[in-house]
PDB file of N, CA and C in Angstrom:
ATOM      1  N   MET A   1      24.843  -9.162 -79.474  1.00  0.00           N
ATOM      2  CA  MET A   1      24.311  -9.964 -79.818  1.00  0.00           C
ATOM      3  C   MET A   1      22.860 -10.145 -78.856  1.00  0.00           C
ATOM      4  N   GLU A   2      21.806 -10.671 -79.343  1.00  0.00           N
ATOM      5  CA  GLU A   2      20.886 -11.059 -78.526  1.00  0.00           C
ATOM      6  C   GLU A   2      19.780 -12.202 -79.067  1.00  0.00           C
ATOM      7  N   THR A   3      18.910 -12.745 -78.437  1.00  0.00           N
ATOM      8  CA  THR A   3      17.755 -13.541 -78.871  1.00  0.00           C
ATOM      9  C   THR A   3      16.447 -13.859 -77.741  1.00  0.00           C
ATOM     10  N   SER A   4      15.901 -14.492 -77.794  1.00  0.00           N
ATOM     11  CA  SER A   4      14.872 -14.709 -76.832  1.00  0.00           C
ATOM     12  C   SER A   4      13.966 -15.986 -76.943  1.00  0.00           C
ATOM     13  N   TYR A   5      13.912 -16.412 -75.577  1.00  0.00           N
ATOM     14  CA  TYR A   5      13.579 -17.690 -75.194  1.00  0.00           C
ATOM     15  C   TYR A   5      11.714 -17.079 -74.632  1.00  0.00           C
ATOM     16  N   THR A   6      10.702 -18.222 -74.496  1.00  0.00           N
ATOM     17  CA  THR A   6       9.889 -18.479 -74.114  1.00  0.00           C
ATOM     18  C   THR A   6       9.435 -19.114 -72.224  1.00  0.00           C
ATOM     19  N   CYS A   7       9.523 -18.497 -71.451  1.00  0.00           N
ATOM     20  CA  CYS A   7       9.271 -18.997 -70.068  1.00  0.00           C
ATOM     21  C   CYS A   7       8.315 -19.807 -69.871  1.00  0.00           C
ATOM     22  N   GLN A   8       8.809 -21.607 -69.623  1.00  0.00           N
ATOM     23  CA  GLN A   8       7.603 -22.163 -69.741  1.00  0.00           C
ATOM     24  C   GLN A   8       6.680 -22.165 -68.477  1.00  0.00           C
ATOM     25  N   ALA A   9       6.483 -21.362 -67.677  1.00  0.00           N
ATOM     26  CA  ALA A   9       6.181 -21.034 -66.278  1.00  0.00           C
ATOM     27  C   ALA A   9       5.058 -20.172 -66.779  1.00  0.00           C
ATOM     28  N   CYS A  10       5.558 -18.741 -67.246  1.00  0.00           N
ATOM     29  CA  CYS A  10       4.335 -17.226 -67.259  1.00  0.00           C
ATOM     30  C   CYS A  10       4.109 -16.754 -68.640  1.00  0.00           C
ATOM     31  N   GLY A  11       4.896 -17.865 -69.591  1.00  0.00           N
ATOM     32  CA  GLY A  11       4.755 -17.377 -71.435  1.00  0.00           C
ATOM     33  C   GLY A  11       5.278 -16.372 -71.868  1.00  0.00           C
ATOM     34  N   GLU A  12       5.736 -15.726 -70.923  1.00  0.00           N
ATOM     35  CA  GLU A  12       6.620 -14.275 -71.564  1.00  0.00           C
ATOM     36  C   GLU A  12       7.730 -14.557 -72.461  1.00  0.00           C
ATOM     37  N   GLU A  13       7.755 -13.499 -73.173  1.00  0.00           N
ATOM     38  CA  GLU A  13       9.013 -13.845 -74.220  1.00  0.00           C
ATOM     39  C   GLU A  13      10.401 -13.009 -73.315  1.00  0.00           C
ATOM     40  N   ILE A  14      11.151 -13.826 -73.426  1.00  0.00           N
ATOM     41  CA  ILE A  14      12.418 -13.000 -72.280  1.00  0.00           C
ATOM     42  C   ILE A  14      13.562 -12.750 -73.183  1.00  0.00           C
ATOM     43  N   VAL A  15      13.908 -12.028 -73.775  1.00  0.00           N
ATOM     44  CA  VAL A  15      15.052 -11.170 -74.242  1.00  0.00           C
ATOM     45  C   VAL A  15      16.284 -11.707 -73.441  1.00  0.00           C
ATOM     46  N   ILE A  16      17.290 -12.002 -74.040  1.00  0.00           N
ATOM     47  CA  ILE A  16      19.235 -12.287 -73.492  1.00  0.00           C
ATOM     48  C   ILE A  16      20.440 -11.754 -74.103  1.00  0.00           C
ATOM     49  N   PRO A  17      20.955 -11.935 -73.897  1.00  0.00           N
ATOM     50  CA  PRO A  17      22.308 -11.152 -74.556  1.00  0.00           C
ATOM     51  C   PRO A  17      22.956 -12.922 -74.950  1.00  0.00           C
ATOM     52  N   ILE A  18      23.703 -13.046 -75.865  1.00  0.00           N
ATOM     53  CA  ILE A  18      24.479 -13.698 -75.800  1.00  0.00           C
ATOM     54  C   ILE A  18      25.994 -13.628 -75.888  1.00  0.00           C
ATOM     55  N   ASP A  19      26.573 -14.684 -75.286  1.00  0.00           N
ATOM     56  CA  ASP A  19      27.988 -14.311 -75.505  1.00  0.00           C
ATOM     57  C   ASP A  19      28.589 -15.695 -76.031  1.00  0.00           C
ATOM     58  N   LEU A  20      29.220 -14.889 -77.291  1.00  0.00           N
ATOM     59  CA  LEU A  20      29.615 -15.488 -78.399  1.00  0.00           C
ATOM     60  C   LEU A  20      30.917 -16.162 -77.855  1.00  0.00           C
ATOM     61  N   SER A  21      31.636 -15.914 -77.037  1.00  0.00           N
ATOM     62  CA  SER A  21      33.091 -16.323 -76.695  1.00  0.00           C
ATOM     63  C   SER A  21      32.716 -17.840 -75.459  1.00  0.00           C
ATOM     64  N   ALA A  22      31.566 -18.223 -75.237  1.00  0.00           N
ATOM     65  CA  ALA A  22      31.135 -19.158 -74.587  1.00  0.00           C
ATOM     66  C   ALA A  22      30.778 -20.428 -75.392  1.00  0.00           C
ATOM     67  N   GLY A  23      30.768 -20.436 -76.662  1.00  0.00           N
ATOM     68  CA  GLY A  23      30.745 -21.428 -77.432  1.00  0.00           C
ATOM     69  C   GLY A  23      29.456 -21.578 -78.599  1.00  0.00           C
ATOM     70  N   ARG A  24      28.925 -22.268 -79.235  1.00  0.00           N
ATOM     71  CA  ARG A  24      28.351 -22.492 -80.360  1.00  0.00           C
ATOM     72  C   ARG A  24      27.091 -23.031 -79.262  1.00  0.00           C
ATOM     73  N   GLU A  25      27.518 -24.148 -78.024  1.00  0.00           N
ATOM     74  CA  GLU A  25      25.943 -24.899 -77.417  1.00  0.00           C
ATOM     75  C   GLU A  25      26.599 -24.452 -76.283  1.00  0.00           C
ATOM     76  N   GLN A  26      25.297 -23.716 -75.504  1.00  0.00           N
ATOM     77  CA  GLN A  26      25.474 -23.129 -74.065  1.00  0.00           C
ATOM     78  C   GLN A  26      24.409 -23.451 -73.629  1.00  0.00           C
ATOM     79  N   GLU A  27      24.526 -23.941 -71.904  1.00  0.00           N
ATOM     80  CA  GLU A  27      23.415 -24.266 -71.589  1.00  0.00           C
ATOM     81  C   GLU A  27      23.773 -23.945 -69.872  1.00  0.00           C
ATOM     82  N   TYR A  28      22.751 -23.349 -69.326  1.00  0.00           N
ATOM     83  CA  TYR A  28      22.805 -22.421 -68.329  1.00  0.00           C
ATOM     84  C   TYR A  28      21.346 -22.664 -67.498  1.00  0.00           C
ATOM     85  N   VAL A  29      21.335 -22.068 -66.666  1.00  0.00           N
ATOM     86  CA  VAL A  29      20.154 -21.729 -65.538  1.00  0.00           C
ATOM     87  C   VAL A  29      19.986 -20.356 -65.170  1.00  0.00           C
ATOM     88  N   GLU A  30      18.828 -19.675 -65.054  1.00  0.00           N
ATOM     89  CA  GLU A  30      18.292 -18.509 -65.354  1.00  0.00           C
ATOM     90  C   GLU A  30      17.009 -18.216 -64.742  1.00  0.00           C
ATOM     91  N   ASP A  31      17.065 -17.165 -63.457  1.00  0.00           N
ATOM     92  CA  ASP A  31      15.491 -17.068 -63.176  1.00  0.00           C
ATOM     93  C   ASP A  31      14.749 -16.048 -64.518  1.00  0.00           C
ATOM     94  N   CYS A  32      13.774 -16.489 -64.512  1.00  0.00           N
ATOM     95  CA  CYS A  32      12.854 -15.540 -65.534  1.00  0.00           C
ATOM     96  C   CYS A  32      12.629 -13.985 -64.671  1.00  0.00           C
ATOM     97  N   PRO A  33      13.089 -13.469 -65.437  1.00  0.00           N
ATOM     98  CA  PRO A  33      12.957 -11.852 -64.900  1.00  0.00           C
ATOM     99  C   PRO A  33      11.459 -11.616 -64.561  1.00  0.00           C
ATOM    100  N   VAL A  34       9.919 -12.288 -64.944  1.00  0.00           N
ATOM    101  CA  VAL A  34       8.672 -11.396 -64.621  1.00  0.00           C
ATOM    102  C   VAL A  34       8.474 -12.782 -63.580  1.00  0.00           C
ATOM    103  N   CYS A  35       8.658 -13.937 -63.417  1.00  0.00           N
ATOM    104  CA  CYS A  35       7.892 -14.745 -62.951  1.00  0.00           C
ATOM    105  C   CYS A  35       8.838 -15.298 -61.267  1.00  0.00           C
ATOM    106  N   CYS A  36      10.209 -15.043 -61.744  1.00  0.00           N
ATOM    107  CA  CYS A  36      11.582 -15.847 -61.032  1.00  0.00           C
ATOM    108  C   CYS A  36      11.312 -17.266 -61.282  1.00  0.00           C
ATOM    109  N   ARG A  37      10.863 -18.085 -61.593  1.00  0.00           N
ATOM    110  CA  ARG A  37      11.273 -19.211 -61.722  1.00  0.00           C
ATOM    111  C   ARG A  37      12.391 -19.737 -62.532  1.00  0.00           C
ATOM    112  N   PRO A  38      12.998 -20.506 -62.330  1.00  0.00           N
ATOM    113  CA  PRO A  38      14.323 -20.721 -62.722  1.00  0.00           C
ATOM    114  C   PRO A  38      13.781 -21.745 -64.432  1.00  0.00           C
ATOM    115  N   ASN A  39      14.568 -21.553 -65.398  1.00  0.00           N
ATOM    116  CA  ASN A  39      14.776 -21.981 -66.162  1.00  0.00           C
ATOM    117  C   ASN A  39      15.750 -22.293 -67.034  1.00  0.00           C
ATOM    118  N   VAL A  40      15.958 -23.542 -67.543  1.00  0.00           N
ATOM    119  CA  VAL A  40      17.198 -24.104 -68.226  1.00  0.00           C
ATOM    120  C   VAL A  40      17.518 -23.841 -69.736  1.00  0.00           C
ATOM    121  N   ILE A  41      18.547 -22.723 -69.853  1.00  0.00           N
ATOM    122  CA  ILE A  41      18.312 -22.220 -71.111  1.00  0.00           C
ATOM    123  C   ILE A  41      19.492 -22.770 -71.943  1.00  0.00           C
ATOM    124  N   ARG A  42      19.290 -23.351 -73.202  1.00  0.00           N
ATOM    125  CA  ARG A  42      19.863 -23.993 -74.024  1.00  0.00           C
ATOM    126  C   ARG A  42      20.578 -22.651 -75.259  1.00  0.00           C
ATOM    127  N   ILE A  43      21.319 -22.762 -75.672  1.00  0.00           N
ATOM    128  CA  ILE A  43      21.599 -22.038 -76.880  1.00  0.00           C
ATOM    129  C   ILE A  43      22.444 -22.378 -77.725  1.00  0.00           C
ATOM    130  N   HIS A  44      21.818 -22.213 -79.100  1.00  0.00           N
ATOM    131  CA  HIS A  44      22.533 -22.881 -80.245  1.00  0.00           C
ATOM    132  C   HIS A  44      22.952 -21.879 -81.335  1.00  0.00           C
ATOM    133  N   LEU A  45      24.195 -21.795 -81.642  1.00  0.00           N
ATOM    134  CA  LEU A  45      24.925 -21.195 -82.794  1.00  0.00           C
ATOM    135  C   LEU A  45      25.735 -21.775 -83.706  1.00  0.00           C
ATOM    136  N   ASP A  46      24.497 -21.955 -85.321  1.00  0.00           N
ATOM    137  CA  ASP A  46      24.934 -22.661 -86.182  1.00  0.00           C
ATOM    138  C   ASP A  46      26.012 -22.167 -86.774  1.00  0.00           C
ATOM    139  N   ARG A  47      26.430 -22.613 -87.854  1.00  0.00           N
ATOM    140  CA  ARG A  47      27.566 -22.531 -89.114  1.00  0.00           C
ATOM    141  C   ARG A  47      27.259 -21.160 -89.987  1.00  0.00           C
ATOM    142  N   ALA A  48      25.730 -21.149 -89.951  1.00  0.00           N
ATOM    143  CA  ALA A  48      25.577 -19.664 -90.785  1.00  0.00           C
ATOM    144  C   ALA A  48      25.557 -18.391 -89.538  1.00  0.00           C
ATOM    145  N   GLY A  49      26.001 -18.440 -88.134  1.00  0.00           N
ATOM    146  CA  GLY A  49      25.739 -17.415 -87.210  1.00  0.00           C
ATOM    147  C   GLY A  49      24.402 -17.258 -86.963  1.00  0.00           C
ATOM    148  N   GLU A  50      23.197 -17.886 -87.354  1.00  0.00           N
ATOM    149  CA  GLU A  50      21.967 -17.860 -86.564  1.00  0.00           C
ATOM    150  C   GLU A  50      21.552 -18.625 -84.866  1.00  0.00           C
ATOM    151  N   VAL A  51      21.271 -17.684 -84.444  1.00  0.00           N
ATOM    152  CA  VAL A  51      21.396 -17.940 -82.929  1.00  0.00           C
ATOM    153  C   VAL A  51      20.106 -19.038 -82.655  1.00  0.00           C
ATOM    154  N   SER A  52      19.866 -19.971 -81.510  1.00  0.00           N
ATOM    155  CA  SER A  52      18.328 -19.898 -81.046  1.00  0.00           C
ATOM    156  C   SER A  52      18.692 -20.520 -79.738  1.00  0.00           C
ATOM    157  N   ALA A  53      17.364 -20.238 -79.001  1.00  0.00           N
ATOM    158  CA  ALA A  53      17.471 -20.500 -77.610  1.00  0.00           C
ATOM    159  C   ALA A  53      16.096 -20.999 -77.493  1.00  0.00           C
ATOM    160  N   ASP A  54      16.238 -22.484 -76.262  1.00  0.00           N
ATOM    161  CA  ASP A  54      15.171 -22.626 -76.018  1.00  0.00           C
ATOM    162  C   ASP A  54      15.366 -22.857 -74.341  1.00  0.00           C
ATOM    163  N   GLY A  55      14.001 -22.185 -73.666  1.00  0.00           N
ATOM    164  CA  GLY A  55      13.736 -22.337 -72.331  1.00  0.00           C
ATOM    165  C   GLY A  55      12.989 -23.691 -71.686  1.00  0.00           C
ATOM    166  N   ALA A  56      13.363 -24.214 -70.720  1.00  0.00           N
ATOM    167  CA  ALA A  56      12.812 -25.473 -70.095  1.00  0.00           C
ATOM    168  C   ALA A  56      13.074 -25.169 -68.627  1.00  0.00           C
ATOM    169  N   PRO A  57      11.731 -25.462 -67.756  1.00  0.00           N
ATOM    170  CA  PRO A  57      11.374 -25.567 -66.553  1.00  0.00           C
ATOM    171  C   PRO A  57      12.830 -26.781 -65.936  1.00  0.00           C
ATOM    172  N   GLU A  58      13.470 -25.734 -64.478  1.00  0.00           N
ATOM    173  CA  GLU A  58      14.799 -26.719 -64.189  1.00  0.00           C
ATOM    174  C   GLU A  58      14.068 -28.034 -63.520  1.00  0.00           C
ATOM    175  N   GLN A  59      13.390 -28.120 -63.372  1.00  0.00           N
ATOM    176  CA  GLN A  59      12.799 -29.467 -62.908  1.00  0.00           C
ATOM    177  C   GLN A  59      12.801 -30.208 -63.811  1.00  0.00           C
ATOM    178  N   ASP A  60      12.573 -30.325 -65.053  1.00  0.00           N
ATOM    179  CA  ASP A  60      12.585 -30.875 -66.331  1.00  0.00           C
ATOM    180  C   ASP A  60      13.944 -30.800 -67.115  1.00  0.00           C
ATOM    181  N   TRP A  61      14.844 -30.479 -66.164  1.00  0.00           N
ATOM    182  CA  TRP A  61      16.313 -30.920 -66.652  1.00  0.00           C
ATOM    183  C   TRP A  61      17.004 -32.210 -66.640  1.00  0.00           C
ATOM    184  N   GLN A  62      17.208 -32.456 -67.551  1.00  0.00           N
ATOM    185  CA  GLN A  62      17.945 -33.738 -67.690  1.00  0.00           C
ATOM    186  C   GLN A  62      19.294 -34.044 -68.064  1.00  0.00           C
TER     187      GLN A  62
END
């Protein structure tokens, strides 16, 4: 399974694989493969099986 997020630094859409065994709510830091800036990736899997992902610059991570 895959989803995508938009890198907030360069604006590129980044496709990422989803590890369903990691749970319904996931959060991790990943460098953008285009501009190499770190993004905090938040993944949500709803009850219907729909996956969404958001990316935010690491310095904005709370």
